[in-house]
Amino acid sequence: MYALGTFNVDLTPQDDDGFPVGRMLIEKTYAGDLNGTGTGQMISKRTEAGAAVYYAIEEVSGLLDSKSGTFTLLHKGYMDKNSQSLEVRILEGSGSGELQGISGSMVISQDENVHKYRLSYEL
């Protein structure tokens, strides 16, 4: 099954002076086939050469195709001057409510400052 839509995201940097990586709080609002919120944390690192990496854990709560519940997304992103990649997966066993047993992955894109998602999932 697939769910399509858009989301807004707010990232709040955290003051972790003295640590070699940055940390941000994530707050998202999803619209479309997934209606709800996402909250979590992200850690990231950027090099002087322009390469960057980030990892995030996001708890999603809402309605997915009229089914209510929660699940956890794991984000892993990498970028350098020649390439970029992003993997977003549903954490196995993280579904609750009517979303218990959910599995799958998400593709995120951005077009003219609009964030879009495509969630491929099984229930």
PDB file of N, CA and C in Angstrom:
ATOM      1  N   MET A   1       0.840  -1.175   0.000  1.00  0.00           N
ATOM      2  CA  MET A   1       0.000   0.000   0.000  1.00  0.00           C
ATOM      3  C   MET A   1       0.888   1.243   0.000  1.00  0.00           C
ATOM      4  N   TYR A   2       0.312   2.342  -0.463  1.00  0.00           N
ATOM      5  CA  TYR A   2       1.037   3.602  -0.531  1.00  0.00           C
ATOM      6  C   TYR A   2       0.214   4.714   0.096  1.00  0.00           C
ATOM      7  N   ALA A   3       0.898   5.651   0.724  1.00  0.00           N
ATOM      8  CA  ALA A   3       0.275   6.862   1.245  1.00  0.00           C
ATOM      9  C   ALA A   3       1.087   8.042   0.730  1.00  0.00           C
ATOM     10  N   LEU A   4       0.391   9.042   0.205  1.00  0.00           N
ATOM     11  CA  LEU A   4       1.042  10.217  -0.375  1.00  0.00           C
ATOM     12  C   LEU A   4       0.555  11.475   0.316  1.00  0.00           C
ATOM     13  N   GLY A   5       1.426  12.478   0.380  1.00  0.00           N
ATOM     14  CA  GLY A   5       1.009  13.747   0.951  1.00  0.00           C
ATOM     15  C   GLY A   5       2.174  14.688   1.142  1.00  0.00           C
ATOM     16  N   THR A   6       1.942  15.690   1.976  1.00  0.00           N
ATOM     17  CA  THR A   6       2.939  16.714   2.264  1.00  0.00           C
ATOM     18  C   THR A   6       3.143  16.817   3.772  1.00  0.00           C
ATOM     19  N   PHE A   7       4.214  17.509   4.141  1.00  0.00           N
ATOM     20  CA  PHE A   7       4.410  17.782   5.560  1.00  0.00           C
ATOM     21  C   PHE A   7       5.159  19.090   5.745  1.00  0.00           C
ATOM     22  N   ASN A   8       4.922  19.711   6.885  1.00  0.00           N
ATOM     23  CA  ASN A   8       5.686  20.866   7.332  1.00  0.00           C
ATOM     24  C   ASN A   8       6.606  20.396   8.442  1.00  0.00           C
ATOM     25  N   VAL A   9       7.797  20.968   8.507  1.00  0.00           N
ATOM     26  CA  VAL A   9       8.758  20.552   9.529  1.00  0.00           C
ATOM     27  C   VAL A   9       9.376  21.775  10.195  1.00  0.00           C
ATOM     28  N   ASP A  10       9.498  21.705  11.516  1.00  0.00           N
ATOM     29  CA  ASP A  10      10.220  22.697  12.303  1.00  0.00           C
ATOM     30  C   ASP A  10      11.374  21.989  12.991  1.00  0.00           C
ATOM     31  N   LEU A  11      12.583  22.518  12.818  1.00  0.00           N
ATOM     32  CA  LEU A  11      13.780  21.977  13.460  1.00  0.00           C
ATOM     33  C   LEU A  11      14.281  23.000  14.472  1.00  0.00           C
ATOM     34  N   THR A  12      14.459  22.563  15.712  1.00  0.00           N
ATOM     35  CA  THR A  12      14.926  23.445  16.775  1.00  0.00           C
ATOM     36  C   THR A  12      16.308  22.995  17.232  1.00  0.00           C
ATOM     37  N   PRO A  13      17.356  23.769  16.885  1.00  0.00           N
ATOM     38  CA  PRO A  13      18.707  23.387  17.316  1.00  0.00           C
ATOM     39  C   PRO A  13      18.818  23.374  18.840  1.00  0.00           C
ATOM     40  N   GLN A  14      19.572  22.416  19.351  1.00  0.00           N
ATOM     41  CA  GLN A  14      19.820  22.300  20.785  1.00  0.00           C
ATOM     42  C   GLN A  14      21.239  22.753  21.082  1.00  0.00           C
ATOM     43  N   ASP A  15      21.433  23.367  22.221  1.00  0.00           N
ATOM     44  CA  ASP A  15      22.732  23.910  22.604  1.00  0.00           C
ATOM     45  C   ASP A  15      23.544  22.838  23.315  1.00  0.00           C
ATOM     46  N   ASP A  16      24.345  22.119  22.553  1.00  0.00           N
ATOM     47  CA  ASP A  16      25.198  21.058  23.089  1.00  0.00           C
ATOM     48  C   ASP A  16      26.661  21.457  22.918  1.00  0.00           C
ATOM     49  N   ASP A  17      27.045  22.572  23.506  1.00  0.00           N
ATOM     50  CA  ASP A  17      28.419  23.075  23.375  1.00  0.00           C
ATOM     51  C   ASP A  17      29.431  22.007  23.762  1.00  0.00           C
ATOM     52  N   GLY A  18      30.491  21.928  22.984  1.00  0.00           N
ATOM     53  CA  GLY A  18      31.568  21.004  23.279  1.00  0.00           C
ATOM     54  C   GLY A  18      31.404  19.635  22.658  1.00  0.00           C
ATOM     55  N   PHE A  19      30.272  19.375  22.016  1.00  0.00           N
ATOM     56  CA  PHE A  19      30.062  18.081  21.371  1.00  0.00           C
ATOM     57  C   PHE A  19      30.379  18.198  19.883  1.00  0.00           C
ATOM     58  N   PRO A  20      30.922  17.136  19.273  1.00  0.00           N
ATOM     59  CA  PRO A  20      31.352  17.213  17.873  1.00  0.00           C
ATOM     60  C   PRO A  20      30.214  17.096  16.857  1.00  0.00           C
ATOM     61  N   VAL A  21      28.986  16.890  17.317  1.00  0.00           N
ATOM     62  CA  VAL A  21      27.842  16.776  16.410  1.00  0.00           C
ATOM     63  C   VAL A  21      26.751  17.741  16.863  1.00  0.00           C
ATOM     64  N   GLY A  22      25.868  18.094  15.921  1.00  0.00           N
ATOM     65  CA  GLY A  22      24.734  18.941  16.248  1.00  0.00           C
ATOM     66  C   GLY A  22      23.504  18.096  16.539  1.00  0.00           C
ATOM     67  N   ARG A  23      22.598  18.649  17.335  1.00  0.00           N
ATOM     68  CA  ARG A  23      21.363  17.938  17.675  1.00  0.00           C
ATOM     69  C   ARG A  23      20.192  18.904  17.506  1.00  0.00           C
ATOM     70  N   MET A  24      19.096  18.383  16.953  1.00  0.00           N
ATOM     71  CA  MET A  24      17.896  19.198  16.751  1.00  0.00           C
ATOM     72  C   MET A  24      16.661  18.420  17.173  1.00  0.00           C
ATOM     73  N   LEU A  25      15.666  19.151  17.663  1.00  0.00           N
ATOM     74  CA  LEU A  25      14.349  18.575  17.906  1.00  0.00           C
ATOM     75  C   LEU A  25      13.541  18.721  16.624  1.00  0.00           C
ATOM     76  N   ILE A  26      12.749  17.702  16.305  1.00  0.00           N
ATOM     77  CA  ILE A  26      11.950  17.669  15.079  1.00  0.00           C
ATOM     78  C   ILE A  26      10.472  17.729  15.448  1.00  0.00           C
ATOM     79  N   GLU A  27       9.732  18.609  14.778  1.00  0.00           N
ATOM     80  CA  GLU A  27       8.276  18.644  14.894  1.00  0.00           C
ATOM     81  C   GLU A  27       7.705  18.734  13.484  1.00  0.00           C
ATOM     82  N   LYS A  28       6.875  17.749  13.120  1.00  0.00           N
ATOM     83  CA  LYS A  28       6.281  17.708  11.786  1.00  0.00           C
ATOM     84  C   LYS A  28       4.760  17.658  11.887  1.00  0.00           C
ATOM     85  N   THR A  29       4.128  18.191  10.845  1.00  0.00           N
ATOM     86  CA  THR A  29       2.687  18.050  10.666  1.00  0.00           C
ATOM     87  C   THR A  29       2.468  17.434   9.291  1.00  0.00           C
ATOM     88  N   TYR A  30       1.845  16.249   9.262  1.00  0.00           N
ATOM     89  CA  TYR A  30       1.592  15.521   8.018  1.00  0.00           C
ATOM     90  C   TYR A  30       0.170  15.787   7.524  1.00  0.00           C
ATOM     91  N   ALA A  31       0.019  15.901   6.199  1.00  0.00           N
ATOM     92  CA  ALA A  31      -1.288  16.034   5.555  1.00  0.00           C
ATOM     93  C   ALA A  31      -1.329  15.081   4.368  1.00  0.00           C
ATOM     94  N   GLY A  32      -2.536  14.679   3.988  1.00  0.00           N
ATOM     95  CA  GLY A  32      -2.703  13.739   2.882  1.00  0.00           C
ATOM     96  C   GLY A  32      -3.226  12.421   3.392  1.00  0.00           C
ATOM     97  N   ASP A  33      -2.721  11.321   2.837  1.00  0.00           N
ATOM     98  CA  ASP A  33      -3.154   9.992   3.279  1.00  0.00           C
ATOM     99  C   ASP A  33      -2.722   9.705   4.709  1.00  0.00           C
ATOM    100  N   LEU A  34      -1.689  10.395   5.176  1.00  0.00           N
ATOM    101  CA  LEU A  34      -1.253  10.351   6.570  1.00  0.00           C
ATOM    102  C   LEU A  34      -1.540  11.718   7.170  1.00  0.00           C
ATOM    103  N   ASN A  35      -2.438  11.760   8.152  1.00  0.00           N
ATOM    104  CA  ASN A  35      -2.767  13.003   8.849  1.00  0.00           C
ATOM    105  C   ASN A  35      -2.336  12.859  10.290  1.00  0.00           C
ATOM    106  N   GLY A  36      -1.395  13.695  10.709  1.00  0.00           N
ATOM    107  CA  GLY A  36      -0.940  13.579  12.086  1.00  0.00           C
ATOM    108  C   GLY A  36       0.306  14.393  12.328  1.00  0.00           C
ATOM    109  N   THR A  37       1.036  13.976  13.357  1.00  0.00           N
ATOM    110  CA  THR A  37       2.237  14.688  13.760  1.00  0.00           C
ATOM    111  C   THR A  37       3.415  13.736  13.866  1.00  0.00           C
ATOM    112  N   GLY A  38       4.593  14.290  13.772  1.00  0.00           N
ATOM    113  CA  GLY A  38       5.827  13.554  13.999  1.00  0.00           C
ATOM    114  C   GLY A  38       6.708  14.361  14.935  1.00  0.00           C
ATOM    115  N   THR A  39       7.257  13.708  15.949  1.00  0.00           N
ATOM    116  CA  THR A  39       8.179  14.367  16.862  1.00  0.00           C
ATOM    117  C   THR A  39       9.403  13.482  17.042  1.00  0.00           C
ATOM    118  N   GLY A  40      10.553  14.108  17.212  1.00  0.00           N
ATOM    119  CA  GLY A  40      11.751  13.299  17.387  1.00  0.00           C
ATOM    120  C   GLY A  40      12.987  14.138  17.563  1.00  0.00           C
ATOM    121  N   GLN A  41      14.133  13.468  17.396  1.00  0.00           N
ATOM    122  CA  GLN A  41      15.427  14.128  17.510  1.00  0.00           C
ATOM    123  C   GLN A  41      16.333  13.698  16.366  1.00  0.00           C
ATOM    124  N   MET A  42      17.201  14.627  15.984  1.00  0.00           N
ATOM    125  CA  MET A  42      18.145  14.377  14.908  1.00  0.00           C
ATOM    126  C   MET A  42      19.542  14.751  15.393  1.00  0.00           C
ATOM    127  N   ILE A  43      20.527  13.932  15.028  1.00  0.00           N
ATOM    128  CA  ILE A  43      21.919  14.320  15.221  1.00  0.00           C
ATOM    129  C   ILE A  43      22.558  14.416  13.844  1.00  0.00           C
ATOM    130  N   SER A  44      23.480  15.366  13.697  1.00  0.00           N
ATOM    131  CA  SER A  44      24.081  15.578  12.380  1.00  0.00           C
ATOM    132  C   SER A  44      25.523  16.046  12.521  1.00  0.00           C
ATOM    133  N   LYS A  45      26.255  15.873  11.435  1.00  0.00           N
ATOM    134  CA  LYS A  45      27.653  16.303  11.376  1.00  0.00           C
ATOM    135  C   LYS A  45      27.942  16.771   9.956  1.00  0.00           C
ATOM    136  N   ARG A  46      28.588  17.926   9.836  1.00  0.00           N
ATOM    137  CA  ARG A  46      29.003  18.456   8.535  1.00  0.00           C
ATOM    138  C   ARG A  46      30.511  18.687   8.582  1.00  0.00           C
ATOM    139  N   THR A  47      31.194  18.304   7.494  1.00  0.00           N
ATOM    140  CA  THR A  47      32.642  18.499   7.432  1.00  0.00           C
ATOM    141  C   THR A  47      32.974  19.787   6.694  1.00  0.00           C
ATOM    142  N   GLU A  48      34.205  20.241   6.836  1.00  0.00           N
ATOM    143  CA  GLU A  48      34.652  21.434   6.114  1.00  0.00           C
ATOM    144  C   GLU A  48      34.627  21.214   4.610  1.00  0.00           C
ATOM    145  N   ALA A  49      34.771  19.968   4.178  1.00  0.00           N
ATOM    146  CA  ALA A  49      34.739  19.645   2.745  1.00  0.00           C
ATOM    147  C   ALA A  49      33.320  19.642   2.182  1.00  0.00           C
ATOM    148  N   GLY A  50      32.309  19.795   3.056  1.00  0.00           N
ATOM    149  CA  GLY A  50      30.932  19.868   2.587  1.00  0.00           C
ATOM    150  C   GLY A  50      30.141  18.587   2.692  1.00  0.00           C
ATOM    151  N   ALA A  51      30.756  17.510   3.162  1.00  0.00           N
ATOM    152  CA  ALA A  51      30.003  16.267   3.370  1.00  0.00           C
ATOM    153  C   ALA A  51      29.186  16.397   4.651  1.00  0.00           C
ATOM    154  N   ALA A  52      28.068  15.686   4.707  1.00  0.00           N
ATOM    155  CA  ALA A  52      27.211  15.738   5.890  1.00  0.00           C
ATOM    156  C   ALA A  52      26.512  14.400   6.070  1.00  0.00           C
ATOM    157  N   VAL A  53      26.183  14.113   7.324  1.00  0.00           N
ATOM    158  CA  VAL A  53      25.446  12.903   7.661  1.00  0.00           C
ATOM    159  C   VAL A  53      24.433  13.259   8.744  1.00  0.00           C
ATOM    160  N   TYR A  54      23.277  12.582   8.725  1.00  0.00           N
ATOM    161  CA  TYR A  54      22.342  12.757   9.832  1.00  0.00           C
ATOM    162  C   TYR A  54      21.607  11.461  10.107  1.00  0.00           C
ATOM    163  N   TYR A  55      21.231  11.307  11.368  1.00  0.00           N
ATOM    164  CA  TYR A  55      20.395  10.203  11.826  1.00  0.00           C
ATOM    165  C   TYR A  55      19.278  10.808  12.656  1.00  0.00           C
ATOM    166  N   ALA A  56      18.079  10.260  12.529  1.00  0.00           N
ATOM    167  CA  ALA A  56      16.958  10.769  13.314  1.00  0.00           C
ATOM    168  C   ALA A  56      16.020   9.632  13.684  1.00  0.00           C
ATOM    169  N   ILE A  57      15.366   9.815  14.809  1.00  0.00           N
ATOM    170  CA  ILE A  57      14.287   8.928  15.247  1.00  0.00           C
ATOM    171  C   ILE A  57      13.057   9.805  15.407  1.00  0.00           C
ATOM    172  N   GLU A  58      11.967   9.413  14.745  1.00  0.00           N
ATOM    173  CA  GLU A  58      10.738  10.207  14.722  1.00  0.00           C
ATOM    174  C   GLU A  58       9.550   9.327  15.095  1.00  0.00           C
ATOM    175  N   GLU A  59       8.767   9.772  16.052  1.00  0.00           N
ATOM    176  CA  GLU A  59       7.542   9.074  16.444  1.00  0.00           C
ATOM    177  C   GLU A  59       6.374   9.741  15.724  1.00  0.00           C
ATOM    178  N   VAL A  60       5.657   8.973  14.899  1.00  0.00           N
ATOM    179  CA  VAL A  60       4.533   9.476  14.116  1.00  0.00           C
ATOM    180  C   VAL A  60       3.236   9.029  14.781  1.00  0.00           C
ATOM    181  N   SER A  61       2.306   9.963  14.930  1.00  0.00           N
ATOM    182  CA  SER A  61       1.018   9.673  15.553  1.00  0.00           C
ATOM    183  C   SER A  61      -0.084  10.284  14.702  1.00  0.00           C
ATOM    184  N   GLY A  62      -1.107   9.487  14.369  1.00  0.00           N
ATOM    185  CA  GLY A  62      -2.195  10.043  13.584  1.00  0.00           C
ATOM    186  C   GLY A  62      -3.026   8.994  12.898  1.00  0.00           C
ATOM    187  N   LEU A  63      -3.630   9.418  11.779  1.00  0.00           N
ATOM    188  CA  LEU A  63      -4.478   8.555  10.964  1.00  0.00           C
ATOM    189  C   LEU A  63      -3.771   8.247   9.655  1.00  0.00           C
ATOM    190  N   LEU A  64      -3.626   6.975   9.355  1.00  0.00           N
ATOM    191  CA  LEU A  64      -3.053   6.520   8.091  1.00  0.00           C
ATOM    192  C   LEU A  64      -4.148   5.770   7.354  1.00  0.00           C
ATOM    193  N   ASP A  65      -4.649   6.378   6.274  1.00  0.00           N
ATOM    194  CA  ASP A  65      -5.775   5.791   5.535  1.00  0.00           C
ATOM    195  C   ASP A  65      -6.887   5.366   6.487  1.00  0.00           C
ATOM    196  N   SER A  66      -7.282   6.280   7.385  1.00  0.00           N
ATOM    197  CA  SER A  66      -8.387   6.116   8.348  1.00  0.00           C
ATOM    198  C   SER A  66      -8.089   5.156   9.488  1.00  0.00           C
ATOM    199  N   LYS A  67      -6.859   4.685   9.616  1.00  0.00           N
ATOM    200  CA  LYS A  67      -6.477   3.820  10.738  1.00  0.00           C
ATOM    201  C   LYS A  67      -5.657   4.648  11.723  1.00  0.00           C
ATOM    202  N   SER A  68      -6.028   4.579  13.005  1.00  0.00           N
ATOM    203  CA  SER A  68      -5.416   5.392  14.042  1.00  0.00           C
ATOM    204  C   SER A  68      -4.310   4.634  14.769  1.00  0.00           C
ATOM    205  N   GLY A  69      -3.205   5.338  15.054  1.00  0.00           N
ATOM    206  CA  GLY A  69      -2.134   4.715  15.820  1.00  0.00           C
ATOM    207  C   GLY A  69      -0.839   5.483  15.716  1.00  0.00           C
ATOM    208  N   THR A  70       0.238   4.814  16.112  1.00  0.00           N
ATOM    209  CA  THR A  70       1.570   5.403  16.074  1.00  0.00           C
ATOM    210  C   THR A  70       2.558   4.419  15.465  1.00  0.00           C
ATOM    211  N   PHE A  71       3.680   4.939  14.989  1.00  0.00           N
ATOM    212  CA  PHE A  71       4.811   4.119  14.561  1.00  0.00           C
ATOM    213  C   PHE A  71       6.060   4.990  14.570  1.00  0.00           C
ATOM    214  N   THR A  72       7.214   4.351  14.517  1.00  0.00           N
ATOM    215  CA  THR A  72       8.494   5.051  14.601  1.00  0.00           C
ATOM    216  C   THR A  72       9.224   4.983  13.264  1.00  0.00           C
ATOM    217  N   LEU A  73       9.725   6.135  12.819  1.00  0.00           N
ATOM    218  CA  LEU A  73      10.541   6.217  11.609  1.00  0.00           C
ATOM    219  C   LEU A  73      12.005   6.400  11.989  1.00  0.00           C
ATOM    220  N   LEU A  74      12.877   5.678  11.283  1.00  0.00           N
ATOM    221  CA  LEU A  74      14.322   5.821  11.431  1.00  0.00           C
ATOM    222  C   LEU A  74      14.859   6.468  10.165  1.00  0.00           C
ATOM    223  N   HIS A  75      15.566   7.593  10.296  1.00  0.00           N
ATOM    224  CA  HIS A  75      16.125   8.331   9.161  1.00  0.00           C
ATOM    225  C   HIS A  75      17.640   8.170   9.144  1.00  0.00           C
ATOM    226  N   LYS A  76      18.201   7.968   7.952  1.00  0.00           N
ATOM    227  CA  LYS A  76      19.655   7.946   7.780  1.00  0.00           C
ATOM    228  C   LYS A  76      19.976   8.662   6.473  1.00  0.00           C
ATOM    229  N   GLY A  77      20.669   9.793   6.572  1.00  0.00           N
ATOM    230  CA  GLY A  77      20.987  10.570   5.390  1.00  0.00           C
ATOM    231  C   GLY A  77      22.470  10.832   5.250  1.00  0.00           C
ATOM    232  N   TYR A  78      22.949  10.900   4.001  1.00  0.00           N
ATOM    233  CA  TYR A  78      24.354  11.174   3.707  1.00  0.00           C
ATOM    234  C   TYR A  78      24.423  12.059   2.469  1.00  0.00           C
ATOM    235  N   MET A  79      25.378  13.003   2.493  1.00  0.00           N
ATOM    236  CA  MET A  79      25.542  13.895   1.354  1.00  0.00           C
ATOM    237  C   MET A  79      27.017  14.271   1.242  1.00  0.00           C
ATOM    238  N   ASP A  80      27.534  14.263   0.019  1.00  0.00           N
ATOM    239  CA  ASP A  80      28.849  14.841  -0.249  1.00  0.00           C
ATOM    240  C   ASP A  80      28.749  15.597  -1.571  1.00  0.00           C
ATOM    241  N   LYS A  81      29.881  16.086  -2.083  1.00  0.00           N
ATOM    242  CA  LYS A  81      29.816  16.919  -3.288  1.00  0.00           C
ATOM    243  C   LYS A  81      29.405  16.148  -4.533  1.00  0.00           C
ATOM    244  N   ASN A  82      29.464  14.808  -4.490  1.00  0.00           N
ATOM    245  CA  ASN A  82      29.126  13.996  -5.658  1.00  0.00           C
ATOM    246  C   ASN A  82      27.804  13.247  -5.558  1.00  0.00           C
ATOM    247  N   SER A  83      27.277  13.087  -4.358  1.00  0.00           N
ATOM    248  CA  SER A  83      26.066  12.268  -4.230  1.00  0.00           C
ATOM    249  C   SER A  83      25.328  12.588  -2.937  1.00  0.00           C
ATOM    250  N   GLN A  84      24.120  12.073  -2.866  1.00  0.00           N
ATOM    251  CA  GLN A  84      23.348  12.155  -1.633  1.00  0.00           C
ATOM    252  C   GLN A  84      22.414  10.957  -1.561  1.00  0.00           C
ATOM    253  N   SER A  85      22.118  10.539  -0.340  1.00  0.00           N
ATOM    254  CA  SER A  85      21.194   9.423  -0.152  1.00  0.00           C
ATOM    255  C   SER A  85      20.405   9.650   1.125  1.00  0.00           C
ATOM    256  N   LEU A  86      19.197   9.119   1.142  1.00  0.00           N
ATOM    257  CA  LEU A  86      18.341   9.199   2.318  1.00  0.00           C
ATOM    258  C   LEU A  86      17.548   7.909   2.410  1.00  0.00           C
ATOM    259  N   GLU A  87      17.600   7.288   3.564  1.00  0.00           N
ATOM    260  CA  GLU A  87      16.823   6.075   3.830  1.00  0.00           C
ATOM    261  C   GLU A  87      15.945   6.347   5.044  1.00  0.00           C
ATOM    262  N   VAL A  88      14.640   6.115   4.895  1.00  0.00           N
ATOM    263  CA  VAL A  88      13.698   6.281   6.000  1.00  0.00           C
ATOM    264  C   VAL A  88      12.884   4.997   6.082  1.00  0.00           C
ATOM    265  N   ARG A  89      12.974   4.321   7.221  1.00  0.00           N
ATOM    266  CA  ARG A  89      12.304   3.028   7.405  1.00  0.00           C
ATOM    267  C   ARG A  89      11.430   3.058   8.648  1.00  0.00           C
ATOM    268  N   ILE A  90      10.385   2.252   8.633  1.00  0.00           N
ATOM    269  CA  ILE A  90       9.559   2.061   9.821  1.00  0.00           C
ATOM    270  C   ILE A  90      10.248   1.030  10.709  1.00  0.00           C
ATOM    271  N   LEU A  91      10.399   1.363  11.987  1.00  0.00           N
ATOM    272  CA  LEU A  91      11.011   0.451  12.947  1.00  0.00           C
ATOM    273  C   LEU A  91      10.086  -0.741  13.184  1.00  0.00           C
ATOM    274  N   GLU A  92      10.602  -1.930  12.925  1.00  0.00           N
ATOM    275  CA  GLU A  92       9.819  -3.153  13.098  1.00  0.00           C
ATOM    276  C   GLU A  92       9.297  -3.247  14.529  1.00  0.00           C
ATOM    277  N   GLY A  93       8.011  -3.548  14.661  1.00  0.00           N
ATOM    278  CA  GLY A  93       7.391  -3.717  15.973  1.00  0.00           C
ATOM    279  C   GLY A  93       6.976  -2.429  16.650  1.00  0.00           C
ATOM    280  N   SER A  94       7.129  -1.281  15.964  1.00  0.00           N
ATOM    281  CA  SER A  94       6.829   0.006  16.605  1.00  0.00           C
ATOM    282  C   SER A  94       5.377   0.443  16.454  1.00  0.00           C
ATOM    283  N   GLY A  95       4.599  -0.209  15.615  1.00  0.00           N
ATOM    284  CA  GLY A  95       3.222   0.203  15.394  1.00  0.00           C
ATOM    285  C   GLY A  95       2.338  -0.060  16.597  1.00  0.00           C
ATOM    286  N   SER A  96       1.383   0.849  16.830  1.00  0.00           N
ATOM    287  CA  SER A  96       0.416   0.669  17.911  1.00  0.00           C
ATOM    288  C   SER A  96      -0.984   0.985  17.405  1.00  0.00           C
ATOM    289  N   GLY A  97      -1.983   0.623  18.207  1.00  0.00           N
ATOM    290  CA  GLY A  97      -3.366   0.860  17.818  1.00  0.00           C
ATOM    291  C   GLY A  97      -3.695   0.085  16.559  1.00  0.00           C
ATOM    292  N   GLU A  98      -4.418   0.722  15.650  1.00  0.00           N
ATOM    293  CA  GLU A  98      -4.780   0.075  14.389  1.00  0.00           C
ATOM    294  C   GLU A  98      -3.593  -0.052  13.435  1.00  0.00           C
ATOM    295  N   LEU A  99      -2.449   0.521  13.793  1.00  0.00           N
ATOM    296  CA  LEU A  99      -1.237   0.434  12.970  1.00  0.00           C
ATOM    297  C   LEU A  99      -0.257  -0.609  13.505  1.00  0.00           C
ATOM    298  N   GLN A 100      -0.710  -1.412  14.448  1.00  0.00           N
ATOM    299  CA  GLN A 100       0.139  -2.482  14.975  1.00  0.00           C
ATOM    300  C   GLN A 100       0.515  -3.427  13.839  1.00  0.00           C
ATOM    301  N   GLY A 101       1.798  -3.786  13.758  1.00  0.00           N
ATOM    302  CA  GLY A 101       2.291  -4.674  12.711  1.00  0.00           C
ATOM    303  C   GLY A 101       2.725  -3.967  11.442  1.00  0.00           C
ATOM    304  N   ILE A 102       2.657  -2.635  11.409  1.00  0.00           N
ATOM    305  CA  ILE A 102       3.041  -1.894  10.206  1.00  0.00           C
ATOM    306  C   ILE A 102       4.535  -2.070   9.919  1.00  0.00           C
ATOM    307  N   SER A 103       4.867  -2.126   8.632  1.00  0.00           N
ATOM    308  CA  SER A 103       6.258  -2.158   8.181  1.00  0.00           C
ATOM    309  C   SER A 103       6.335  -1.371   6.887  1.00  0.00           C
ATOM    310  N   GLY A 104       7.546  -0.944   6.526  1.00  0.00           N
ATOM    311  CA  GLY A 104       7.687  -0.239   5.264  1.00  0.00           C
ATOM    312  C   GLY A 104       8.764   0.816   5.289  1.00  0.00           C
ATOM    313  N   SER A 105       8.688   1.720   4.306  1.00  0.00           N
ATOM    314  CA  SER A 105       9.693   2.769   4.157  1.00  0.00           C
ATOM    315  C   SER A 105       9.053   4.018   3.574  1.00  0.00           C
ATOM    316  N   MET A 106       9.765   5.136   3.696  1.00  0.00           N
ATOM    317  CA  MET A 106       9.256   6.418   3.220  1.00  0.00           C
ATOM    318  C   MET A 106      10.289   7.073   2.312  1.00  0.00           C
ATOM    319  N   VAL A 107       9.813   7.665   1.225  1.00  0.00           N
ATOM    320  CA  VAL A 107      10.638   8.490   0.346  1.00  0.00           C
ATOM    321  C   VAL A 107      10.205   9.932   0.564  1.00  0.00           C
ATOM    322  N   ILE A 108      11.179  10.801   0.803  1.00  0.00           N
ATOM    323  CA  ILE A 108      10.912  12.220   1.032  1.00  0.00           C
ATOM    324  C   ILE A 108      11.509  13.014  -0.124  1.00  0.00           C
ATOM    325  N   SER A 109      10.742  13.982  -0.628  1.00  0.00           N
ATOM    326  CA  SER A 109      11.244  14.870  -1.675  1.00  0.00           C
ATOM    327  C   SER A 109      10.827  16.297  -1.345  1.00  0.00           C
ATOM    328  N   GLN A 110      11.450  17.239  -2.047  1.00  0.00           N
ATOM    329  CA  GLN A 110      11.115  18.642  -1.854  1.00  0.00           C
ATOM    330  C   GLN A 110      11.003  19.288  -3.217  1.00  0.00           C
ATOM    331  N   ASP A 111       9.894  19.994  -3.438  1.00  0.00           N
ATOM    332  CA  ASP A 111       9.648  20.665  -4.703  1.00  0.00           C
ATOM    333  C   ASP A 111       9.154  22.070  -4.398  1.00  0.00           C
ATOM    334  N   GLU A 112       9.930  23.079  -4.788  1.00  0.00           N
ATOM    335  CA  GLU A 112       9.576  24.478  -4.544  1.00  0.00           C
ATOM    336  C   GLU A 112       9.209  24.716  -3.081  1.00  0.00           C
ATOM    337  N   ASN A 113      10.069  24.267  -2.170  1.00  0.00           N
ATOM    338  CA  ASN A 113       9.918  24.441  -0.723  1.00  0.00           C
ATOM    339  C   ASN A 113       8.730  23.699  -0.118  1.00  0.00           C
ATOM    340  N   VAL A 114       8.154  22.749  -0.845  1.00  0.00           N
ATOM    341  CA  VAL A 114       7.091  21.898  -0.309  1.00  0.00           C
ATOM    342  C   VAL A 114       7.672  20.507  -0.087  1.00  0.00           C
ATOM    343  N   HIS A 115       7.621  20.032   1.157  1.00  0.00           N
ATOM    344  CA  HIS A 115       8.087  18.684   1.475  1.00  0.00           C
ATOM    345  C   HIS A 115       6.982  17.685   1.144  1.00  0.00           C
ATOM    346  N   LYS A 116       7.352  16.629   0.429  1.00  0.00           N
ATOM    347  CA  LYS A 116       6.399  15.587   0.045  1.00  0.00           C
ATOM    348  C   LYS A 116       6.888  14.243   0.556  1.00  0.00           C
ATOM    349  N   TYR A 117       5.941  13.354   0.858  1.00  0.00           N
ATOM    350  CA  TYR A 117       6.303  12.003   1.285  1.00  0.00           C
ATOM    351  C   TYR A 117       5.545  10.974   0.456  1.00  0.00           C
ATOM    352  N   ARG A 118       6.161   9.815   0.340  1.00  0.00           N
ATOM    353  CA  ARG A 118       5.515   8.631  -0.238  1.00  0.00           C
ATOM    354  C   ARG A 118       5.848   7.481   0.703  1.00  0.00           C
ATOM    355  N   LEU A 119       4.857   7.040   1.448  1.00  0.00           N
ATOM    356  CA  LEU A 119       5.030   5.962   2.412  1.00  0.00           C
ATOM    357  C   LEU A 119       4.573   4.662   1.769  1.00  0.00           C
ATOM    358  N   SER A 120       5.495   3.723   1.611  1.00  0.00           N
ATOM    359  CA  SER A 120       5.176   2.371   1.132  1.00  0.00           C
ATOM    360  C   SER A 120       5.088   1.498   2.372  1.00  0.00           C
ATOM    361  N   TYR A 121       3.932   0.852   2.584  1.00  0.00           N
ATOM    362  CA  TYR A 121       3.773   0.121   3.837  1.00  0.00           C
ATOM    363  C   TYR A 121       2.901  -1.114   3.674  1.00  0.00           C
ATOM    364  N   GLU A 122       3.036  -2.000   4.660  1.00  0.00           N
ATOM    365  CA  GLU A 122       2.184  -3.182   4.776  1.00  0.00           C
ATOM    366  C   GLU A 122       1.633  -3.223   6.184  1.00  0.00           C
ATOM    367  N   LEU A 123       0.389  -3.672   6.297  1.00  0.00           N
ATOM    368  CA  LEU A 123      -0.262  -3.842   7.599  1.00  0.00           C
ATOM    369  C   LEU A 123      -0.766  -5.261   7.736  1.00  0.00           C
TER     370      LEU A 123
END
